[in-house]
C-alpha atoms as a PDB file:
ATOM      1  CA  MET A   1      14.487   0.215  -6.806  1.00  0.00           C
ATOM      2  CA  LYS A   2      12.976   3.710  -6.621  1.00  0.00           C
ATOM      3  CA  LEU A   3      12.945   6.085  -9.547  1.00  0.00           C
ATOM      4  CA  ALA A   4      13.699   8.969  -7.190  1.00  0.00           C
ATOM      5  CA  ASP A   5      16.741   7.269  -5.656  1.00  0.00           C
ATOM      6  CA  GLN A   6      19.224   8.071  -8.411  1.00  0.00           C
ATOM      7  CA  GLU A   7      19.743  10.221 -11.484  1.00  0.00           C
ATOM      8  CA  PHE A   8      20.920   7.572 -13.965  1.00  0.00           C
ATOM      9  CA  PHE A   9      20.161   3.880 -14.511  1.00  0.00           C
ATOM     10  CA  THR A  10      21.968   0.960 -16.123  1.00  0.00           C
ATOM     11  CA  VAL A  11      20.268  -1.474 -18.494  1.00  0.00           C
ATOM     12  CA  ALA A  12      19.886  -4.008 -15.675  1.00  0.00           C
ATOM     13  CA  GLU A  13      18.402  -1.423 -13.295  1.00  0.00           C
ATOM     14  CA  LEU A  14      15.911  -0.175 -15.890  1.00  0.00           C
ATOM     15  CA  ALA A  15      14.948  -3.762 -16.725  1.00  0.00           C
ATOM     16  CA  GLU A  16      14.235  -4.336 -13.028  1.00  0.00           C
ATOM     17  CA  ILE A  17      12.085  -1.197 -12.836  1.00  0.00           C
ATOM     18  CA  LEU A  18      10.063  -2.098 -15.944  1.00  0.00           C
ATOM     19  CA  ARG A  19      10.056  -5.838 -15.100  1.00  0.00           C
ATOM     20  CA  VAL A  20      11.335  -6.864 -18.522  1.00  0.00           C
ATOM     21  CA  LYS A  21      14.453  -8.645 -19.755  1.00  0.00           C
ATOM     22  CA  PRO A  22      17.602  -6.598 -20.463  1.00  0.00           C
ATOM     23  CA  LEU A  23      17.346  -7.672 -24.112  1.00  0.00           C
ATOM     24  CA  THR A  24      13.985  -5.883 -24.285  1.00  0.00           C
ATOM     25  CA  ILE A  25      15.674  -2.672 -23.124  1.00  0.00           C
ATOM     26  CA  TYR A  26      18.252  -2.915 -25.924  1.00  0.00           C
ATOM     27  CA  ARG A  27      15.452  -3.436 -28.451  1.00  0.00           C
ATOM     28  CA  MET A  28      13.578  -0.398 -27.106  1.00  0.00           C
ATOM     29  CA  VAL A  29      16.715   1.716 -27.550  1.00  0.00           C
ATOM     30  CA  LYS A  30      17.230   0.406 -31.079  1.00  0.00           C
ATOM     31  CA  ARG A  31      13.627   1.284 -31.967  1.00  0.00           C
ATOM     32  CA  GLY A  32      14.085   4.767 -30.508  1.00  0.00           C
ATOM     33  CA  GLU A  33      11.391   4.259 -27.857  1.00  0.00           C
ATOM     34  CA  ILE A  34      13.521   5.538 -24.998  1.00  0.00           C
ATOM     35  CA  ALA A  35      16.442   7.960 -24.930  1.00  0.00           C
ATOM     36  CA  SER A  36      19.862   6.745 -23.780  1.00  0.00           C
ATOM     37  CA  PHE A  37      23.528   7.690 -23.824  1.00  0.00           C
ATOM     38  CA  LYS A  38      26.796   5.788 -23.558  1.00  0.00           C
ATOM     39  CA  ILE A  39      29.536   5.807 -20.963  1.00  0.00           C
ATOM     40  CA  GLY A  40      32.299   3.857 -22.649  1.00  0.00           C
ATOM     41  CA  ARG A  41      30.481   0.877 -24.152  1.00  0.00           C
ATOM     42  CA  SER A  42      27.672   0.823 -21.578  1.00  0.00           C
ATOM     43  CA  LEU A  43      24.225   2.380 -21.946  1.00  0.00           C
ATOM     44  CA  ARG A  44      22.828   4.733 -19.323  1.00  0.00           C
ATOM     45  CA  PHE A  45      19.329   6.181 -18.930  1.00  0.00           C
ATOM     46  CA  ASN A  46      18.395   9.533 -17.427  1.00  0.00           C
ATOM     47  CA  ARG A  47      15.646   9.509 -14.787  1.00  0.00           C
ATOM     48  CA  ASP A  48      13.647  12.224 -16.604  1.00  0.00           C
ATOM     49  CA  ASP A  49      13.828  10.250 -19.855  1.00  0.00           C
ATOM     50  CA  VAL A  50      12.499   7.191 -18.026  1.00  0.00           C
ATOM     51  CA  ARG A  51       9.598   9.239 -16.657  1.00  0.00           C
ATOM     52  CA  ARG A  52       8.808  10.554 -20.148  1.00  0.00           C
ATOM     53  CA  PHE A  53       8.820   7.005 -21.489  1.00  0.00           C
ATOM     54  CA  LEU A  54       6.431   5.828 -18.753  1.00  0.00           C
ATOM     55  CA  GLN A  55       4.186   8.816 -19.444  1.00  0.00           C
ATOM     56  CA  SER A  56       4.118   8.045 -23.170  1.00  0.00           C
ATOM     57  CA  LYS A  57       3.097   4.454 -22.418  1.00  0.00           C
ATOM     58  CA  ARG A  58       0.385   5.625 -19.997  1.00  0.00           C
ATOM     59  CA  LEU A  59       2.203   3.934 -17.103  1.00  0.00           C
ATOM     60  CA  LEU A  60       2.133   7.196 -15.188  1.00  0.00           C
ATOM     61  CA  HIS A  61      -0.826   9.500 -14.811  1.00  0.00           C
ATOM     62  CA  PRO A  62      -0.377  13.027 -16.230  1.00  0.00           C
ATOM     63  CA  THR A  63       0.432  15.808 -13.831  1.00  0.00           C
ATOM     64  CA  ILE A  64      -2.522  16.933 -11.738  1.00  0.00           C
ATOM     65  CA  THR A  65      -2.830  20.703 -11.446  1.00  0.00           C
ATOM     66  CA  ASN A  66      -4.758  22.366  -8.678  1.00  0.00           C
ATOM     67  CA  ILE A  67      -4.517  25.452  -6.503  1.00  0.00           C
ATOM     68  CA  THR A  68      -1.837  24.085  -4.213  1.00  0.00           C
ATOM     69  CA  THR A  69       0.365  21.803  -6.297  1.00  0.00           C
ATOM     70  CA  THR A  70       1.594  21.104  -9.793  1.00  0.00           C
ATOM     71  CA  ALA A  71       3.983  18.324  -8.831  1.00  0.00           C
ATOM     72  CA  GLN A  72       4.344  15.147 -10.841  1.00  0.00           C
ATOM     73  CA  PRO A  73       2.757  12.322  -8.818  1.00  0.00           C
ATOM     74  CA  ASP A  74       5.095   9.588  -7.657  1.00  0.00           C
ATOM     75  CA  THR A  75       4.417   6.015  -8.693  1.00  0.00           C
ATOM     76  CA  ARG A  76       3.809   3.956  -5.576  1.00  0.00           C
ATOM     77  CA  PHE A  77       2.111   0.718  -6.645  1.00  0.00           C
ATOM     78  CA  ARG A  78       1.668  -1.599  -9.577  1.00  0.00           C
ATOM     79  CA  VAL A  79      -1.294  -3.977  -9.345  1.00  0.00           C
ATOM     80  CA  VAL A  80      -2.052  -7.029 -11.467  1.00  0.00           C
ATOM     81  CA  LEU A  81      -5.469  -8.700 -11.186  1.00  0.00           C
ATOM     82  CA  PHE A  82      -6.285 -12.324 -12.042  1.00  0.00           C
ATOM     83  CA  ASP A  83      -9.680 -13.953 -12.515  1.00  0.00           C
ATOM     84  CA  SER A  84      -8.181 -17.354 -11.596  1.00  0.00           C
ATOM     85  CA  ALA A  85      -5.035 -18.688 -10.013  1.00  0.00           C
ATOM     86  CA  PRO A  86      -2.007 -17.273 -11.880  1.00  0.00           C
ATOM     87  CA  LYS A  87      -0.600 -19.637 -14.473  1.00  0.00           C
ATOM     88  CA  PRO A  88       3.140 -20.377 -14.683  1.00  0.00           C
ATOM     89  CA  TYR A  89       5.207 -17.795 -16.522  1.00  0.00           C
ATOM     90  CA  GLY A  90       2.447 -15.230 -16.354  1.00  0.00           C
ATOM     91  CA  HIS A  91       0.036 -16.818 -18.851  1.00  0.00           C
ATOM     92  CA  GLY A  92      -3.721 -16.600 -18.336  1.00  0.00           C
ATOM     93  CA  THR A  93      -6.206 -13.769 -18.085  1.00  0.00           C
ATOM     94  CA  THR A  94      -4.920 -10.655 -16.376  1.00  0.00           C
ATOM     95  CA  SER A  95      -5.828  -7.030 -16.062  1.00  0.00           C
ATOM     96  CA  TRP A  96      -2.494  -5.292 -16.348  1.00  0.00           C
ATOM     97  CA  ASP A  97      -2.049  -2.269 -14.093  1.00  0.00           C
ATOM     98  CA  ILE A  98      -5.702  -1.288 -13.705  1.00  0.00           C
ATOM     99  CA  ASN A  99      -6.756   0.704 -16.791  1.00  0.00           C
ATOM    100  CA  ASP A 100      -3.178   0.209 -18.070  1.00  0.00           C
ATOM    101  CA  ASN A 101      -1.914   2.641 -15.466  1.00  0.00           C
ATOM    102  CA  PHE A 102       0.128   2.542 -12.319  1.00  0.00           C
ATOM    103  CA  LEU A 103      -1.647   3.453  -9.108  1.00  0.00           C
ATOM    104  CA  THR A 104      -0.170   6.809  -8.235  1.00  0.00           C
ATOM    105  CA  ASN A 105       0.283   9.183  -5.372  1.00  0.00           C
ATOM    106  CA  PRO A 106      -3.010  10.980  -4.610  1.00  0.00           C
ATOM    107  CA  GLN A 107      -2.558  14.742  -4.794  1.00  0.00           C
ATOM    108  CA  HIS A 108      -5.309  15.685  -2.333  1.00  0.00           C
ATOM    109  CA  GLY A 109      -4.415  14.021   0.927  1.00  0.00           C
ATOM    110  CA  ASN A 110      -4.226  10.475   2.202  1.00  0.00           C
ATOM    111  CA  HIS A 111      -7.735   9.516   1.089  1.00  0.00           C
ATOM    112  CA  SER A 112      -7.919  11.172  -2.311  1.00  0.00           C
ATOM    113  CA  PRO A 113     -10.642  10.145  -4.791  1.00  0.00           C
ATOM    114  CA  TYR A 114      -7.859  10.237  -7.362  1.00  0.00           C
ATOM    115  CA  GLY A 115      -6.249   7.336  -5.548  1.00  0.00           C
ATOM    116  CA  THR A 116      -9.413   5.212  -5.708  1.00  0.00           C
ATOM    117  CA  TYR A 117     -10.078   2.826  -8.578  1.00  0.00           C
ATOM    118  CA  ASP A 118     -13.646   1.615  -9.171  1.00  0.00           C
ATOM    119  CA  LEU A 119     -13.475  -1.972 -10.392  1.00  0.00           C
ATOM    120  CA  LYS A 120     -17.146  -1.992 -11.370  1.00  0.00           C
ATOM    121  CA  THR A 121     -16.474   0.470 -14.176  1.00  0.00           C
ATOM    122  CA  ILE A 122     -14.059  -1.990 -15.747  1.00  0.00           C
ATOM    123  CA  GLY A 123     -16.058  -5.133 -14.969  1.00  0.00           C
ATOM    124  CA  TRP A 124     -13.672  -6.780 -12.515  1.00  0.00           C
ATOM    125  CA  ASP A 125     -15.558  -6.502  -9.227  1.00  0.00           C
ATOM    126  CA  LYS A 126     -17.034 -10.041  -9.481  1.00  0.00           C
ATOM    127  CA  MET A 127     -14.035 -11.652 -11.183  1.00  0.00           C
ATOM    128  CA  VAL A 128     -10.996 -10.883  -9.079  1.00  0.00           C
ATOM    129  CA  ALA A 129      -9.678 -13.950  -7.268  1.00  0.00           C
ATOM    130  CA  HIS A 130      -5.983 -13.181  -7.036  1.00  0.00           C
ATOM    131  CA  MET A 131      -4.007  -9.979  -6.791  1.00  0.00           C
ATOM    132  CA  ARG A 132      -0.337  -9.172  -7.117  1.00  0.00           C
ATOM    133  CA  ILE A 133       0.999  -5.911  -5.738  1.00  0.00           C
ATOM    134  CA  TYR A 134       4.463  -4.726  -6.635  1.00  0.00           C
ATOM    135  CA  PRO A 135       6.250  -1.839  -4.926  1.00  0.00           C
ATOM    136  CA  GLY A 136       6.193   1.041  -7.411  1.00  0.00           C
ATOM    137  CA  LEU A 137       9.073   3.169  -8.610  1.00  0.00           C
ATOM    138  CA  ASP A 138       8.754   5.518  -5.638  1.00  0.00           C
ATOM    139  CA  TYR A 139       7.424   3.050  -3.054  1.00  0.00           C
ATOM    140  CA  VAL A 140       8.008   4.027   0.571  1.00  0.00           C
ATOM    141  CA  ARG A 141       7.882   1.492   3.416  1.00  0.00           C
ATOM    142  CA  GLY A 142       4.478   1.937   4.988  1.00  0.00           C
ATOM    143  CA  ASP A 143       2.535   2.676   1.794  1.00  0.00           C
ATOM    144  CA  HIS A 144      -0.283   0.181   1.430  1.00  0.00           C
ATOM    145  CA  ILE A 145      -3.518  -0.478  -0.445  1.00  0.00           C
ATOM    146  CA  GLN A 146      -7.032  -0.945   0.884  1.00  0.00           C
ATOM    147  CA  LEU A 147      -9.678  -3.107  -0.761  1.00  0.00           C
ATOM    148  CA  LEU A 148     -13.167  -1.700  -0.342  1.00  0.00           C
ATOM    149  CA  ASP A 149     -16.618  -3.232  -0.658  1.00  0.00           C
ATOM    150  CA  ARG A 150     -18.926  -0.404  -1.725  1.00  0.00           C
ATOM    151  CA  GLU A 151     -22.117  -2.021  -0.431  1.00  0.00           C
ATOM    152  CA  THR A 152     -20.804  -2.497   3.097  1.00  0.00           C
ATOM    153  CA  PHE A 153     -18.149   0.239   3.367  1.00  0.00           C
ATOM    154  CA  PRO A 154     -16.771   1.175   5.849  1.00  0.00           C
ATOM    155  CA  ALA A 155     -17.506  -2.134   7.590  1.00  0.00           C
ATOM    156  CA  ASN A 156     -15.535  -4.205   5.087  1.00  0.00           C
ATOM    157  CA  VAL A 157     -12.077  -2.892   4.313  1.00  0.00           C
ATOM    158  CA  ARG A 158      -8.913  -4.911   3.872  1.00  0.00           C
ATOM    159  CA  SER A 159      -5.476  -3.290   4.142  1.00  0.00           C
ATOM    160  CA  ILE A 160      -2.635  -4.995   2.292  1.00  0.00           C
ATOM    161  CA  ASP A 161       1.024  -4.052   2.110  1.00  0.00           C
ATOM    162  CA  PRO A 162       3.369  -5.009  -0.754  1.00  0.00           C
ATOM    163  CA  HIS A 163       6.221  -5.171   1.749  1.00  0.00           C
ATOM    164  CA  THR A 164       4.532  -8.157   3.433  1.00  0.00           C
ATOM    165  CA  THR A 165       4.017 -10.225   0.290  1.00  0.00           C
ATOM    166  CA  THR A 166       3.332  -9.498  -3.371  1.00  0.00           C
ATOM    167  CA  HIS A 167       0.671 -12.149  -3.997  1.00  0.00           C
ATOM    168  CA  TYR A 168      -2.739 -12.299  -2.345  1.00  0.00           C
ATOM    169  CA  ASP A 169      -5.356 -15.019  -2.731  1.00  0.00           C
ATOM    170  CA  LEU A 170      -8.539 -13.004  -2.276  1.00  0.00           C
ATOM    171  CA  ASN A 171     -10.570 -16.153  -1.630  1.00  0.00           C
ATOM    172  CA  ARG A 172      -8.559 -16.791   1.523  1.00  0.00           C
ATOM    173  CA  ILE A 173      -9.208 -13.333   2.930  1.00  0.00           C
ATOM    174  CA  GLY A 174     -12.881 -13.297   1.940  1.00  0.00           C
ATOM    175  CA  PHE A 175     -12.673 -10.597  -0.716  1.00  0.00           C
ATOM    176  CA  ALA A 176     -12.917 -12.580  -3.950  1.00  0.00           C
ATOM    177  CA  ASP A 177     -16.538 -11.618  -4.643  1.00  0.00           C
ATOM    178  CA  ARG A 178     -16.808  -8.227  -3.008  1.00  0.00           C
ATOM    179  CA  THR A 179     -13.813  -6.089  -3.956  1.00  0.00           C
ATOM    180  CA  THR A 180     -15.228  -3.036  -5.712  1.00  0.00           C
ATOM    181  CA  HIS A 181     -12.527  -0.452  -5.094  1.00  0.00           C
ATOM    182  CA  ILE A 182      -8.776  -0.293  -4.643  1.00  0.00           C
ATOM    183  CA  TRP A 183      -7.643   2.621  -2.522  1.00  0.00           C
ATOM    184  CA  THR A 184      -4.075   3.879  -2.120  1.00  0.00           C
ATOM    185  CA  ILE A 185      -3.019   4.855   1.397  1.00  0.00           C
ATOM    186  CA  LEU A 186       0.368   6.548   1.581  1.00  0.00           C
ATOM    187  CA  ASN A 187       2.749   6.773   4.477  1.00  0.00           C
ATOM    188  CA  PRO A 188       2.406  10.400   5.629  1.00  0.00           C
ATOM    189  CA  ASN A 189       6.029  10.219   6.724  1.00  0.00           C
ATOM    190  CA  THR A 190       7.101  11.147   3.185  1.00  0.00           C
ATOM    191  CA  PRO A 191       5.048  13.987   1.648  1.00  0.00           C
ATOM    192  CA  ALA A 192       6.169  15.494  -1.649  1.00  0.00           C
ATOM    193  CA  ASN A 193       6.642  18.891   0.001  1.00  0.00           C
ATOM    194  CA  GLN A 194       9.000  18.547   2.959  1.00  0.00           C
ATOM    195  CA  GLU A 195       7.727  21.860   4.363  1.00  0.00           C
ATOM    196  CA  ASP A 196       4.425  20.099   5.030  1.00  0.00           C
ATOM    197  CA  TYR A 197       6.207  17.225   6.768  1.00  0.00           C
ATOM    198  CA  LYS A 198       3.904  15.514   9.276  1.00  0.00           C
ATOM    199  CA  PRO A 199       5.302  12.069  10.110  1.00  0.00           C
ATOM    200  CA  TRP A 200       3.189   9.215  11.373  1.00  0.00           C
ATOM    201  CA  ARG A 201       3.952   8.323  14.959  1.00  0.00           C
ATOM    202  CA  LEU A 202       2.570   4.807  15.307  1.00  0.00           C
ATOM    203  CA  ARG A 203       1.884   2.000  12.867  1.00  0.00           C
ATOM    204  CA  VAL A 204      -0.032  -0.985  14.277  1.00  0.00           C
ATOM    205  CA  SER A 205      -0.225  -4.446  12.711  1.00  0.00           C
ATOM    206  CA  LEU A 206      -2.629  -7.153  13.913  1.00  0.00           C
ATOM    207  CA  PHE A 207      -2.014 -10.889  13.484  1.00  0.00           C
ATOM    208  CA  ASP A 208      -4.281 -13.802  14.290  1.00  0.00           C
ATOM    209  CA  SER A 209      -1.263 -16.104  14.754  1.00  0.00           C
ATOM    210  CA  PRO A 210       2.449 -15.550  15.417  1.00  0.00           C
ATOM    211  CA  LYS A 211       3.522 -17.222  12.148  1.00  0.00           C
ATOM    212  CA  GLN A 212       1.050 -15.517   9.855  1.00  0.00           C
ATOM    213  CA  THR A 213       2.817 -14.777   6.570  1.00  0.00           C
ATOM    214  CA  ASP A 214       0.669 -15.736   3.589  1.00  0.00           C
ATOM    215  CA  ILE A 215      -2.597 -14.031   4.615  1.00  0.00           C
ATOM    216  CA  PRO A 216      -2.259 -10.258   5.010  1.00  0.00           C
ATOM    217  CA  HIS A 217      -2.624  -8.735   8.432  1.00  0.00           C
ATOM    218  CA  LEU A 218      -4.372  -5.469   9.193  1.00  0.00           C
ATOM    219  CA  ILE A 219      -2.359  -2.270   9.344  1.00  0.00           C
ATOM    220  CA  PHE A 220      -3.441   0.947  11.031  1.00  0.00           C
ATOM    221  CA  TYR A 221      -1.795   4.355  11.424  1.00  0.00           C
ATOM    222  CA  ASP A 222      -2.474   6.950  14.078  1.00  0.00           C
ATOM    223  CA  PHE A 223      -3.794   9.349  11.415  1.00  0.00           C
ATOM    224  CA  MET A 224      -6.640   6.862  10.841  1.00  0.00           C
ATOM    225  CA  GLY A 225      -7.644   7.043  14.548  1.00  0.00           C
ATOM    226  CA  PRO A 226      -7.901   7.976  17.297  1.00  0.00           C
ATOM    227  CA  VAL A 227     -10.260   4.987  17.790  1.00  0.00           C
ATOM    228  CA  ILE A 228     -10.500   2.039  15.393  1.00  0.00           C
ATOM    229  CA  ASP A 229     -13.351  -0.458  15.738  1.00  0.00           C
ATOM    230  CA  LEU A 230     -11.901  -3.952  15.320  1.00  0.00           C
ATOM    231  CA  ASN A 231     -15.351  -5.462  14.818  1.00  0.00           C
ATOM    232  CA  ALA A 232     -15.535  -3.573  11.535  1.00  0.00           C
ATOM    233  CA  TYR A 233     -12.533  -5.558  10.338  1.00  0.00           C
ATOM    234  CA  HIS A 234     -13.664  -8.922  11.771  1.00  0.00           C
ATOM    235  CA  PHE A 235     -10.635  -8.918  14.057  1.00  0.00           C
ATOM    236  CA  ALA A 236     -12.424  -8.504  17.385  1.00  0.00           C
ATOM    237  CA  ASP A 237     -12.327 -12.232  18.180  1.00  0.00           C
ATOM    238  CA  LYS A 238      -9.021 -13.253  16.618  1.00  0.00           C
ATOM    239  CA  ALA A 239      -6.363 -10.636  17.378  1.00  0.00           C
ATOM    240  CA  ALA A 240      -3.632 -12.662  19.082  1.00  0.00           C
ATOM    241  CA  TYR A 241      -0.529 -10.616  18.353  1.00  0.00           C
ATOM    242  CA  ILE A 242      -0.015  -6.906  17.874  1.00  0.00           C
ATOM    243  CA  THR A 243       3.067  -5.089  16.588  1.00  0.00           C
ATOM    244  CA  ILE A 244       3.636  -1.399  17.303  1.00  0.00           C
ATOM    245  CA  GLU A 245       6.137   0.438  15.114  1.00  0.00           C
ATOM    246  CA  ARG A 246       7.038   3.967  16.099  1.00  0.00           C
ATOM    247  CA  GLY A 247       7.718   6.790  13.671  1.00  0.00           C
ATOM    248  CA  THR A 248      11.376   7.758  13.561  1.00  0.00           C
ATOM    249  CA  ARG A 249      11.248  11.561  13.297  1.00  0.00           C
ATOM    250  CA  SER A 250       8.317  12.645  15.395  1.00  0.00           C
ATOM    251  CA  SER A 251       8.815  15.609  17.723  1.00  0.00           C
ATOM    252  CA  ALA A 252       5.215  15.401  18.920  1.00  0.00           C
ATOM    253  CA  PRO A 253       4.272  13.917  22.322  1.00  0.00           C
ATOM    254  CA  GLU A 254       4.735  10.179  22.698  1.00  0.00           C
ATOM    255  CA  LEU A 255       1.764   8.075  21.627  1.00  0.00           C
ATOM    256  CA  ASN A 256       0.531   4.952  23.390  1.00  0.00           C
ATOM    257  CA  LEU A 257      -1.823   2.301  22.118  1.00  0.00           C
ATOM    258  CA  LYS A 258      -4.827   1.480  24.302  1.00  0.00           C
ATOM    259  CA  LEU A 259      -6.856  -1.728  23.939  1.00  0.00           C
ATOM    260  CA  TRP A 260     -10.569  -1.579  24.769  1.00  0.00           C
ATOM    261  CA  ASP A 261     -13.038  -4.230  25.865  1.00  0.00           C
ATOM    262  CA  ASN A 262     -16.666  -3.118  25.265  1.00  0.00           C
ATOM    263  CA  PHE A 263     -15.528   0.283  24.065  1.00  0.00           C
ATOM    264  CA  ASN A 264     -17.977   3.126  24.703  1.00  0.00           C
ATOM    265  CA  LYS A 265     -20.245   0.868  26.780  1.00  0.00           C
ATOM    266  CA  PRO A 266     -20.956   0.726  30.512  1.00  0.00           C
ATOM    267  CA  GLY A 267     -18.252  -1.192  32.346  1.00  0.00           C
ATOM    268  CA  ALA A 268     -15.741  -0.846  29.507  1.00  0.00           C
ATOM    269  CA  LYS A 269     -12.178  -1.862  30.389  1.00  0.00           C
ATOM    270  CA  SER A 270      -8.903  -0.813  28.800  1.00  0.00           C
ATOM    271  CA  THR A 271      -5.179  -1.477  28.982  1.00  0.00           C
ATOM    272  CA  ILE A 272      -2.241   0.465  27.559  1.00  0.00           C
ATOM    273  CA  LEU A 273       0.420  -1.251  25.464  1.00  0.00           C
ATOM    274  CA  THR A 274       3.907   0.184  25.181  1.00  0.00           C
ATOM    275  CA  LYS A 275       5.949  -2.781  23.934  1.00  0.00           C
ATOM    276  CA  GLU A 276       6.960  -2.937  20.293  1.00  0.00           C
ATOM    277  CA  THR A 277       5.448  -6.430  19.974  1.00  0.00           C
ATOM    278  CA  THR A 278       2.844  -7.913  22.303  1.00  0.00           C
ATOM    279  CA  ASN A 279       1.357 -11.385  22.629  1.00  0.00           C
ATOM    280  CA  LEU A 280      -2.248 -10.623  23.568  1.00  0.00           C
ATOM    281  CA  ASN A 281      -2.741 -14.134  24.906  1.00  0.00           C
ATOM    282  CA  GLU A 282      -0.175 -13.468  27.629  1.00  0.00           C
ATOM    283  CA  ILE A 283      -2.173 -10.527  28.955  1.00  0.00           C
ATOM    284  CA  HIS A 284      -5.526 -12.283  28.403  1.00  0.00           C
ATOM    285  CA  TRP A 285      -6.713  -9.805  25.773  1.00  0.00           C
ATOM    286  CA  ALA A 286      -6.715 -12.001  22.664  1.00  0.00           C
ATOM    287  CA  ASP A 287     -10.492 -12.556  22.830  1.00  0.00           C
ATOM    288  CA  ARG A 288     -11.435  -9.264  24.465  1.00  0.00           C
ATOM    289  CA  ALA A 289      -9.981  -6.451  22.377  1.00  0.00           C
ATOM    290  CA  ASP A 290     -12.754  -4.902  20.307  1.00  0.00           C
ATOM    291  CA  ALA A 291     -11.177  -1.469  19.711  1.00  0.00           C
ATOM    292  CA  ILE A 292      -7.776   0.175  19.694  1.00  0.00           C
ATOM    293  CA  GLU A 293      -7.146   3.808  20.560  1.00  0.00           C
ATOM    294  CA  PHE A 294      -4.121   6.032  19.999  1.00  0.00           C
ATOM    295  CA  THR A 295      -3.553   8.090  23.147  1.00  0.00           C
ATOM    296  CA  THR A 296      -1.028  10.744  24.147  1.00  0.00           C
ATOM    297  CA  SER A 297       1.291   9.935  27.027  1.00  0.00           C
ATOM    298  CA  THR A 298       0.594  11.736  30.262  1.00  0.00           C
END
C-alpha cells in the first residue's frame, strides 16, 4: 500500500499502512489524534490528514527546503533493528524506525547525506544482529538500502531490498558487528519531478546459488557503474547466477552487461551477457568474473 496511490483510505487500509490493529485506528479517531469523515456508517481518511498525523508523530521528516526543491519527501522504508533474534509477537529490545523516524527520500540525488543514518551516534553499530525492512508508504520496486562499514568503506557494502524479504539475519551475511551506516538508494526510475525523469536501464542481481532466498543477493544499477568491482563485495569467487532486468521506459541506447576476468590487467578477458537470466556455470564464468561493466550496444 502506497500513500501516493489513492486519495482516501478505509480503516483497514490505514491500519495496514501504520501496522496497527483496526481497533487502534478507532481509538485514535475517538481521541482526536487523526482527522476522519464518514461515508454512510464507514470512516474514511484523507491522504493529507494521514501525512499530517505521521508528521506530528515524527514518522516523517519535515520538508527539506533548498534552492531547487521544496517538495515533501516520500516515505520509502521503515527499518526495525534488533540486538538479538526477534522474539515472538514483537517482544524484546528493538530500535523502532531509527531515531523514531522513517527513512525518507533523499532530496539531493541518489546518494544524499540526508539519506544516510549513522548508527554510531545512537549506539547501535556493535549491537545490531537482525534487521527488518518494510516497504514504506511510497515504496517503489527497485528502491533498496545499503549497509555500510565506515572503517572499510567502500570495500564493504551490502545492498538489501525489502522486495526480496523483510527480515535479515546480519550474522549470516557478515554484517552483525560492522554495520555503521544505513544508506537509502532509490530507483531513479521514479523521481519526484517527472520533468527530470531519467529511468534506470539495467538492474543486475547476483546470486551464489539458484535457490538463494533467505540471504540477500547483491543488486546493482547502471547509474552505479559503468564498472563495478565484484571483489569489493566478496562476490568474485561465488557469483553463480546473474539476473538482468531492463528498464521499461528507456529511450536511450540499449545497454549490455559485460563480465570481466582480470579486469584492467594484462590478458584480461570479457564476455557480453544479453539474456535476462544467466547461469554463469554454463558459460564457465562462475569462478572467473571479478568485475561487471555496463556497455552501450554497438
